[in-house]
Amino acid sequence: MSLAKLSHASMHRPGSATNGTTVAQRDSSDFLVNGESLLARLVRMDGGHGDYMGCFVHGFRDAIAEALNELLLEGRVDSPKRRVGIYICPECGDIGCGRFSVTVERRGEEMIWSDFSYENGYEAPAIFEGLGPFRFDYSEYARAVRRAAAI
C-alpha cells in the first residue's frame, strides 16, 4: 500500500449576531489527505451539516497542545494507538455536540489513520466504511501536523 500525503488548509468560520443569536468566529486547520479536504469527505459520507472546526483552533493554545500531543501519540500515551477528535463543534468543542474522530496508530516509521467515525459521547461511534486507512511516513506526518497546529 502506498503512503498518503498529509497537509492542511486554513478554514474560516465567520461570526455573526442576529436576533439574539451569536455565532462565534473561528479560524482552524482542515486536514488534507492527498490534497483533498478530509472534512468535506466526512460530511459527504455522513450526510449531515458541515459546521465543524478542525482540532487546531486559533487562540486556544492549551487545546492545540493537547490535540498535537494526541495526534503525535506523545505526552500521556499508554498505548501506540488511540482515538482522536479531528473535527469538533465550532461553538464549544465538546464531544456532546458531535465530532469526527479517527484512530491514530504508530507502527515503526508509519502513522496510520483508520476507523473514522462520528461520535457524541453518549452513543456508540458510527464508523465510516470505505474511508482509509491512510498510512503516512512518520517524519512527513509529524511535520504536517505541526504545521497545521501553528495556526
N, C-alpha and C. Protein backbone atom coordinates (compact mmCIF):
# COMPACT_ATOMS: atom_id res chain seq x y z
N MET A 1 0.85 -1.18 0.00
CA MET A 1 0.00 0.00 0.00
C MET A 1 0.89 1.24 0.00
N SER A 2 0.60 2.20 -0.87
CA SER A 2 1.41 3.41 -0.96
C SER A 2 1.08 4.37 0.18
N LEU A 3 2.04 5.21 0.49
CA LEU A 3 1.86 6.17 1.57
C LEU A 3 1.06 7.38 1.09
N ALA A 4 0.20 7.88 1.96
CA ALA A 4 -0.60 9.07 1.67
C ALA A 4 0.19 10.30 2.10
N LYS A 5 -0.22 11.46 1.59
CA LYS A 5 0.38 12.74 1.96
C LYS A 5 -0.61 13.53 2.79
N LEU A 6 -0.16 14.00 3.94
CA LEU A 6 -0.99 14.82 4.82
C LEU A 6 -0.53 16.27 4.74
N SER A 7 -1.48 17.17 4.59
CA SER A 7 -1.21 18.60 4.62
C SER A 7 -2.43 19.26 5.26
N HIS A 8 -2.51 20.58 5.18
CA HIS A 8 -3.67 21.26 5.76
C HIS A 8 -4.00 22.51 4.96
N ALA A 9 -5.19 23.01 5.20
CA ALA A 9 -5.64 24.28 4.65
C ALA A 9 -6.32 25.04 5.77
N SER A 10 -6.28 26.35 5.70
CA SER A 10 -6.96 27.17 6.70
C SER A 10 -8.46 27.15 6.46
N MET A 11 -9.21 27.09 7.55
CA MET A 11 -10.67 27.19 7.49
C MET A 11 -11.08 28.43 8.28
N HIS A 12 -11.99 29.20 7.73
CA HIS A 12 -12.51 30.38 8.42
C HIS A 12 -14.03 30.25 8.53
N ARG A 13 -14.53 30.39 9.74
CA ARG A 13 -15.97 30.40 10.00
C ARG A 13 -16.30 31.82 10.47
N PRO A 14 -17.06 32.57 9.66
CA PRO A 14 -17.37 33.94 10.06
C PRO A 14 -18.32 33.96 11.26
N GLY A 15 -18.12 34.93 12.10
CA GLY A 15 -19.02 35.11 13.23
C GLY A 15 -20.17 36.02 12.85
N SER A 16 -21.23 35.97 13.65
CA SER A 16 -22.38 36.84 13.41
C SER A 16 -23.21 36.95 14.67
N ALA A 17 -24.07 37.94 14.69
CA ALA A 17 -25.02 38.13 15.78
C ALA A 17 -26.31 38.64 15.16
N THR A 18 -27.35 37.81 15.24
CA THR A 18 -28.64 38.15 14.64
C THR A 18 -29.76 37.73 15.56
N ASN A 19 -30.66 38.65 15.84
CA ASN A 19 -31.85 38.33 16.64
C ASN A 19 -31.52 37.59 17.93
N GLY A 20 -30.48 38.03 18.61
CA GLY A 20 -30.12 37.43 19.89
C GLY A 20 -29.31 36.14 19.79
N THR A 21 -28.99 35.72 18.58
CA THR A 21 -28.19 34.51 18.39
C THR A 21 -26.79 34.90 17.95
N THR A 22 -25.80 34.43 18.68
CA THR A 22 -24.42 34.74 18.36
C THR A 22 -23.72 33.49 17.84
N VAL A 23 -23.00 33.65 16.75
CA VAL A 23 -22.19 32.58 16.17
C VAL A 23 -20.74 33.02 16.29
N ALA A 24 -19.92 32.19 16.93
CA ALA A 24 -18.52 32.54 17.16
C ALA A 24 -17.70 32.42 15.87
N GLN A 25 -16.86 33.42 15.65
CA GLN A 25 -15.91 33.34 14.54
C GLN A 25 -14.82 32.36 14.95
N ARG A 26 -14.41 31.52 14.03
CA ARG A 26 -13.33 30.56 14.31
C ARG A 26 -12.42 30.42 13.10
N ASP A 27 -11.14 30.33 13.38
CA ASP A 27 -10.13 30.01 12.37
C ASP A 27 -9.45 28.73 12.83
N SER A 28 -9.44 27.74 11.97
CA SER A 28 -8.86 26.45 12.33
C SER A 28 -8.20 25.82 11.11
N SER A 29 -7.65 24.63 11.30
CA SER A 29 -6.97 23.91 10.22
C SER A 29 -7.79 22.71 9.78
N ASP A 30 -7.93 22.57 8.47
CA ASP A 30 -8.58 21.41 7.86
C ASP A 30 -7.48 20.48 7.36
N PHE A 31 -7.59 19.20 7.67
CA PHE A 31 -6.61 18.24 7.17
C PHE A 31 -6.92 17.88 5.73
N LEU A 32 -5.89 17.82 4.92
CA LEU A 32 -6.00 17.38 3.53
C LEU A 32 -5.22 16.07 3.40
N VAL A 33 -5.88 15.07 2.86
CA VAL A 33 -5.21 13.80 2.58
C VAL A 33 -5.10 13.68 1.07
N ASN A 34 -3.87 13.63 0.58
CA ASN A 34 -3.60 13.62 -0.86
C ASN A 34 -4.28 14.80 -1.55
N GLY A 35 -4.28 15.96 -0.87
CA GLY A 35 -4.82 17.19 -1.43
C GLY A 35 -6.31 17.39 -1.29
N GLU A 36 -7.03 16.44 -0.73
CA GLU A 36 -8.49 16.53 -0.60
C GLU A 36 -8.89 16.78 0.85
N SER A 37 -9.83 17.70 1.05
CA SER A 37 -10.33 18.01 2.39
C SER A 37 -10.94 16.78 3.04
N LEU A 38 -10.39 16.41 4.18
CA LEU A 38 -10.94 15.28 4.92
C LEU A 38 -12.31 15.63 5.49
N LEU A 39 -12.49 16.87 5.94
CA LEU A 39 -13.80 17.27 6.45
C LEU A 39 -14.86 17.15 5.37
N ALA A 40 -14.57 17.61 4.17
CA ALA A 40 -15.56 17.52 3.08
C ALA A 40 -15.93 16.07 2.81
N ARG A 41 -14.95 15.17 2.83
CA ARG A 41 -15.26 13.74 2.62
C ARG A 41 -16.13 13.19 3.73
N LEU A 42 -15.80 13.52 4.97
CA LEU A 42 -16.59 13.02 6.11
C LEU A 42 -18.02 13.54 6.06
N VAL A 43 -18.18 14.82 5.74
CA VAL A 43 -19.53 15.41 5.66
C VAL A 43 -20.33 14.74 4.55
N ARG A 44 -19.71 14.52 3.39
CA ARG A 44 -20.41 13.82 2.30
C ARG A 44 -20.86 12.42 2.74
N MET A 45 -19.99 11.71 3.41
CA MET A 45 -20.31 10.35 3.85
C MET A 45 -21.36 10.34 4.95
N ASP A 46 -21.30 11.34 5.83
CA ASP A 46 -22.23 11.41 6.96
C ASP A 46 -23.60 11.90 6.53
N GLY A 47 -23.63 12.76 5.52
CA GLY A 47 -24.89 13.32 5.05
C GLY A 47 -25.44 14.41 5.94
N GLY A 48 -24.65 14.86 6.90
CA GLY A 48 -25.11 15.90 7.83
C GLY A 48 -24.56 17.26 7.47
N HIS A 49 -24.57 18.14 8.44
CA HIS A 49 -24.06 19.50 8.24
C HIS A 49 -22.54 19.50 8.26
N GLY A 50 -21.95 20.59 7.79
CA GLY A 50 -20.50 20.71 7.74
C GLY A 50 -19.97 21.77 8.67
N ASP A 51 -20.76 22.17 9.68
CA ASP A 51 -20.36 23.24 10.58
C ASP A 51 -19.48 22.69 11.70
N TYR A 52 -18.24 22.42 11.37
CA TYR A 52 -17.25 21.93 12.32
C TYR A 52 -16.00 22.78 12.19
N MET A 53 -15.17 22.73 13.21
CA MET A 53 -13.85 23.34 13.11
C MET A 53 -12.82 22.23 13.32
N GLY A 54 -11.64 22.46 12.77
CA GLY A 54 -10.57 21.50 12.98
C GLY A 54 -10.12 21.51 14.43
N CYS A 55 -9.39 20.49 14.84
CA CYS A 55 -8.96 20.38 16.24
C CYS A 55 -7.90 21.41 16.62
N PHE A 56 -7.28 22.06 15.64
CA PHE A 56 -6.35 23.16 15.91
C PHE A 56 -7.08 24.47 15.63
N VAL A 57 -7.40 25.21 16.70
CA VAL A 57 -8.21 26.42 16.59
C VAL A 57 -7.41 27.62 17.09
N HIS A 58 -7.32 28.64 16.25
CA HIS A 58 -6.59 29.85 16.61
C HIS A 58 -7.09 30.41 17.94
N GLY A 59 -6.14 30.73 18.83
CA GLY A 59 -6.47 31.35 20.09
C GLY A 59 -6.68 30.38 21.25
N PHE A 60 -6.59 29.09 21.00
CA PHE A 60 -6.81 28.08 22.04
C PHE A 60 -5.54 27.25 22.22
N ARG A 61 -4.52 27.88 22.81
CA ARG A 61 -3.19 27.26 22.92
C ARG A 61 -3.19 25.92 23.65
N ASP A 62 -3.90 25.84 24.78
CA ASP A 62 -3.90 24.59 25.54
C ASP A 62 -4.54 23.46 24.74
N ALA A 63 -5.64 23.76 24.07
CA ALA A 63 -6.33 22.75 23.25
C ALA A 63 -5.46 22.34 22.06
N ILE A 64 -4.74 23.30 21.48
CA ILE A 64 -3.83 22.98 20.37
C ILE A 64 -2.74 22.03 20.86
N ALA A 65 -2.14 22.34 22.01
CA ALA A 65 -1.07 21.49 22.55
C ALA A 65 -1.59 20.08 22.84
N GLU A 66 -2.78 19.99 23.39
CA GLU A 66 -3.36 18.67 23.69
C GLU A 66 -3.63 17.88 22.41
N ALA A 67 -4.23 18.53 21.41
CA ALA A 67 -4.51 17.84 20.14
C ALA A 67 -3.22 17.43 19.45
N LEU A 68 -2.21 18.29 19.50
CA LEU A 68 -0.92 17.97 18.89
C LEU A 68 -0.32 16.72 19.55
N ASN A 69 -0.32 16.68 20.87
CA ASN A 69 0.20 15.51 21.58
C ASN A 69 -0.58 14.25 21.22
N GLU A 70 -1.90 14.37 21.11
CA GLU A 70 -2.71 13.20 20.77
C GLU A 70 -2.41 12.71 19.36
N LEU A 71 -2.32 13.62 18.40
CA LEU A 71 -2.07 13.22 17.02
C LEU A 71 -0.66 12.66 16.81
N LEU A 72 0.28 13.09 17.65
CA LEU A 72 1.65 12.57 17.56
C LEU A 72 1.88 11.41 18.53
N LEU A 73 0.83 11.05 19.29
CA LEU A 73 0.92 9.99 20.30
C LEU A 73 2.04 10.28 21.29
N GLU A 74 2.09 11.53 21.74
CA GLU A 74 3.08 11.96 22.71
C GLU A 74 2.38 12.33 24.01
N GLY A 75 3.16 12.65 25.02
CA GLY A 75 2.56 13.04 26.30
C GLY A 75 2.10 11.83 27.09
N ARG A 76 0.85 11.88 27.54
CA ARG A 76 0.30 10.83 28.41
C ARG A 76 -0.15 9.61 27.61
N VAL A 77 0.71 9.04 26.85
CA VAL A 77 0.34 7.92 25.99
C VAL A 77 0.60 6.60 26.72
N ASP A 78 -0.42 5.78 26.81
CA ASP A 78 -0.25 4.47 27.41
C ASP A 78 -0.39 3.37 26.36
N SER A 79 -0.46 3.78 25.10
CA SER A 79 -0.67 2.83 24.02
C SER A 79 -0.14 3.44 22.72
N PRO A 80 0.31 2.61 21.77
CA PRO A 80 0.74 3.15 20.48
C PRO A 80 -0.43 3.47 19.57
N LYS A 81 -1.64 3.47 20.13
CA LYS A 81 -2.85 3.66 19.32
C LYS A 81 -3.90 4.36 20.18
N ARG A 82 -4.62 5.33 19.59
CA ARG A 82 -5.71 5.99 20.33
C ARG A 82 -6.68 6.67 19.38
N ARG A 83 -7.92 6.90 19.86
CA ARG A 83 -8.94 7.62 19.11
C ARG A 83 -8.78 9.11 19.41
N VAL A 84 -8.78 9.91 18.35
CA VAL A 84 -8.53 11.35 18.48
C VAL A 84 -9.61 12.12 17.72
N GLY A 85 -10.15 13.15 18.34
CA GLY A 85 -11.10 14.04 17.68
C GLY A 85 -10.36 14.96 16.73
N ILE A 86 -10.79 15.00 15.45
CA ILE A 86 -10.09 15.85 14.48
C ILE A 86 -10.96 17.00 13.99
N TYR A 87 -12.29 16.88 14.10
CA TYR A 87 -13.21 17.98 13.77
C TYR A 87 -14.25 18.05 14.88
N ILE A 88 -14.44 19.25 15.42
CA ILE A 88 -15.24 19.42 16.63
C ILE A 88 -16.25 20.55 16.47
N CYS A 89 -17.14 20.67 17.47
CA CYS A 89 -18.15 21.73 17.48
C CYS A 89 -17.47 23.10 17.46
N PRO A 90 -17.86 23.99 16.54
CA PRO A 90 -17.21 25.29 16.45
C PRO A 90 -17.61 26.27 17.54
N GLU A 91 -18.63 25.95 18.29
CA GLU A 91 -19.03 26.84 19.38
C GLU A 91 -18.30 26.50 20.68
N CYS A 92 -18.24 25.19 21.02
CA CYS A 92 -17.70 24.83 22.33
C CYS A 92 -16.63 23.75 22.30
N GLY A 93 -16.52 23.01 21.20
CA GLY A 93 -15.53 21.95 21.10
C GLY A 93 -15.87 20.69 21.88
N ASP A 94 -17.06 20.62 22.46
CA ASP A 94 -17.44 19.49 23.30
C ASP A 94 -17.89 18.29 22.47
N ILE A 95 -17.51 17.10 22.89
CA ILE A 95 -17.90 15.88 22.19
C ILE A 95 -19.42 15.69 22.19
N GLY A 96 -20.10 16.21 23.20
CA GLY A 96 -21.56 16.06 23.28
C GLY A 96 -22.30 16.70 22.12
N CYS A 97 -21.68 17.66 21.46
CA CYS A 97 -22.28 18.28 20.28
C CYS A 97 -21.99 17.47 19.02
N GLY A 98 -21.10 16.51 19.13
CA GLY A 98 -20.71 15.67 18.00
C GLY A 98 -19.34 16.06 17.48
N ARG A 99 -18.61 15.05 17.06
CA ARG A 99 -17.30 15.29 16.47
C ARG A 99 -16.96 14.14 15.52
N PHE A 100 -16.04 14.42 14.61
CA PHE A 100 -15.46 13.38 13.78
C PHE A 100 -14.13 12.99 14.42
N SER A 101 -13.89 11.69 14.49
CA SER A 101 -12.66 11.22 15.11
C SER A 101 -12.01 10.14 14.26
N VAL A 102 -10.79 9.79 14.63
CA VAL A 102 -10.01 8.80 13.89
C VAL A 102 -9.15 8.03 14.89
N THR A 103 -8.88 6.79 14.58
CA THR A 103 -7.91 6.03 15.36
C THR A 103 -6.54 6.31 14.77
N VAL A 104 -5.62 6.76 15.62
CA VAL A 104 -4.26 7.08 15.22
C VAL A 104 -3.34 6.01 15.82
N GLU A 105 -2.49 5.46 14.98
CA GLU A 105 -1.60 4.39 15.42
C GLU A 105 -0.22 4.57 14.80
N ARG A 106 0.79 4.30 15.59
CA ARG A 106 2.16 4.32 15.05
C ARG A 106 2.67 2.89 14.95
N ARG A 107 3.16 2.57 13.76
CA ARG A 107 3.80 1.27 13.51
C ARG A 107 5.16 1.56 12.88
N GLY A 108 6.18 1.48 13.69
CA GLY A 108 7.53 1.77 13.19
C GLY A 108 7.62 3.20 12.70
N GLU A 109 7.97 3.38 11.44
CA GLU A 109 8.12 4.71 10.86
C GLU A 109 6.87 5.15 10.10
N GLU A 110 5.74 4.54 10.41
CA GLU A 110 4.47 4.93 9.78
C GLU A 110 3.46 5.34 10.84
N MET A 111 2.64 6.31 10.48
CA MET A 111 1.46 6.68 11.26
C MET A 111 0.26 6.26 10.43
N ILE A 112 -0.72 5.68 11.08
CA ILE A 112 -1.90 5.16 10.37
C ILE A 112 -3.15 5.81 10.94
N TRP A 113 -3.98 6.32 10.05
CA TRP A 113 -5.31 6.83 10.42
C TRP A 113 -6.33 5.83 9.91
N SER A 114 -7.17 5.32 10.81
CA SER A 114 -8.18 4.33 10.43
C SER A 114 -9.43 4.53 11.28
N ASP A 115 -10.46 3.78 10.95
CA ASP A 115 -11.71 3.78 11.73
C ASP A 115 -12.25 5.19 11.97
N PHE A 116 -12.41 5.95 10.90
CA PHE A 116 -13.01 7.28 11.00
C PHE A 116 -14.44 7.11 11.51
N SER A 117 -14.85 8.02 12.38
CA SER A 117 -16.20 7.88 12.93
C SER A 117 -16.79 9.23 13.31
N TYR A 118 -18.12 9.21 13.48
CA TYR A 118 -18.83 10.32 14.10
C TYR A 118 -19.18 9.83 15.49
N GLU A 119 -18.92 10.64 16.50
CA GLU A 119 -19.25 10.25 17.87
C GLU A 119 -19.74 11.44 18.66
N ASN A 120 -20.52 11.13 19.70
CA ASN A 120 -21.07 12.20 20.55
C ASN A 120 -20.91 11.92 22.04
N GLY A 121 -20.31 10.81 22.40
CA GLY A 121 -20.05 10.53 23.81
C GLY A 121 -21.17 9.80 24.53
N TYR A 122 -22.35 9.70 23.93
CA TYR A 122 -23.45 9.01 24.59
C TYR A 122 -24.08 7.92 23.73
N GLU A 123 -23.57 7.75 22.51
CA GLU A 123 -23.98 6.65 21.64
C GLU A 123 -22.70 5.99 21.12
N ALA A 124 -22.83 4.76 20.65
CA ALA A 124 -21.66 4.10 20.06
C ALA A 124 -21.19 4.89 18.84
N PRO A 125 -19.88 5.05 18.66
CA PRO A 125 -19.39 5.76 17.48
C PRO A 125 -19.89 5.10 16.19
N ALA A 126 -20.23 5.94 15.21
CA ALA A 126 -20.66 5.45 13.90
C ALA A 126 -19.43 5.44 12.99
N ILE A 127 -18.92 4.25 12.68
CA ILE A 127 -17.72 4.11 11.87
C ILE A 127 -18.07 4.28 10.39
N PHE A 128 -17.23 5.02 9.67
CA PHE A 128 -17.42 5.23 8.24
C PHE A 128 -16.69 4.14 7.47
N GLU A 129 -17.43 3.31 6.80
CA GLU A 129 -16.84 2.26 5.97
C GLU A 129 -16.34 2.88 4.66
N GLY A 130 -15.22 2.41 4.17
CA GLY A 130 -14.72 2.86 2.88
C GLY A 130 -13.85 4.10 2.91
N LEU A 131 -13.46 4.55 4.09
CA LEU A 131 -12.56 5.70 4.21
C LEU A 131 -11.33 5.24 4.97
N GLY A 132 -10.19 5.30 4.32
CA GLY A 132 -8.97 4.84 4.96
C GLY A 132 -8.86 3.33 4.93
N PRO A 133 -7.88 2.79 5.59
CA PRO A 133 -6.89 3.51 6.38
C PRO A 133 -5.90 4.27 5.49
N PHE A 134 -5.36 5.34 6.09
CA PHE A 134 -4.32 6.13 5.43
C PHE A 134 -3.02 5.91 6.19
N ARG A 135 -1.97 5.62 5.45
CA ARG A 135 -0.64 5.41 6.03
C ARG A 135 0.24 6.59 5.63
N PHE A 136 0.94 7.15 6.61
CA PHE A 136 1.82 8.29 6.38
C PHE A 136 3.22 7.97 6.87
N ASP A 137 4.23 8.48 6.17
CA ASP A 137 5.59 8.44 6.67
C ASP A 137 5.64 9.27 7.94
N TYR A 138 6.19 8.72 9.03
CA TYR A 138 6.15 9.40 10.32
C TYR A 138 6.76 10.80 10.27
N SER A 139 7.93 10.95 9.68
CA SER A 139 8.60 12.26 9.67
C SER A 139 7.77 13.29 8.92
N GLU A 140 7.26 12.92 7.75
CA GLU A 140 6.42 13.84 6.98
C GLU A 140 5.12 14.15 7.73
N TYR A 141 4.54 13.13 8.34
CA TYR A 141 3.31 13.29 9.12
C TYR A 141 3.52 14.28 10.26
N ALA A 142 4.59 14.08 11.03
CA ALA A 142 4.86 14.95 12.17
C ALA A 142 5.04 16.40 11.72
N ARG A 143 5.75 16.61 10.62
CA ARG A 143 5.93 17.98 10.10
C ARG A 143 4.58 18.57 9.70
N ALA A 144 3.76 17.79 9.01
CA ALA A 144 2.45 18.28 8.55
C ALA A 144 1.54 18.62 9.72
N VAL A 145 1.52 17.78 10.73
CA VAL A 145 0.67 18.03 11.89
C VAL A 145 1.15 19.27 12.64
N ARG A 146 2.45 19.42 12.78
CA ARG A 146 2.98 20.61 13.47
C ARG A 146 2.68 21.89 12.68
N ARG A 147 2.74 21.81 11.36
CA ARG A 147 2.39 23.00 10.54
C ARG A 147 0.91 23.34 10.73
N ALA A 148 0.05 22.34 10.75
CA ALA A 148 -1.38 22.59 10.96
C ALA A 148 -1.64 23.19 12.33
N ALA A 149 -0.86 22.79 13.32
CA ALA A 149 -1.04 23.28 14.69
C ALA A 149 -0.54 24.71 14.87
N ALA A 150 0.23 25.22 13.93
CA ALA A 150 0.82 26.55 14.05
C ALA A 150 -0.14 27.64 13.60
N ILE A 151 -1.41 27.41 13.72
CA ILE A 151 -2.43 28.35 13.26
C ILE A 151 -2.39 29.66 14.05
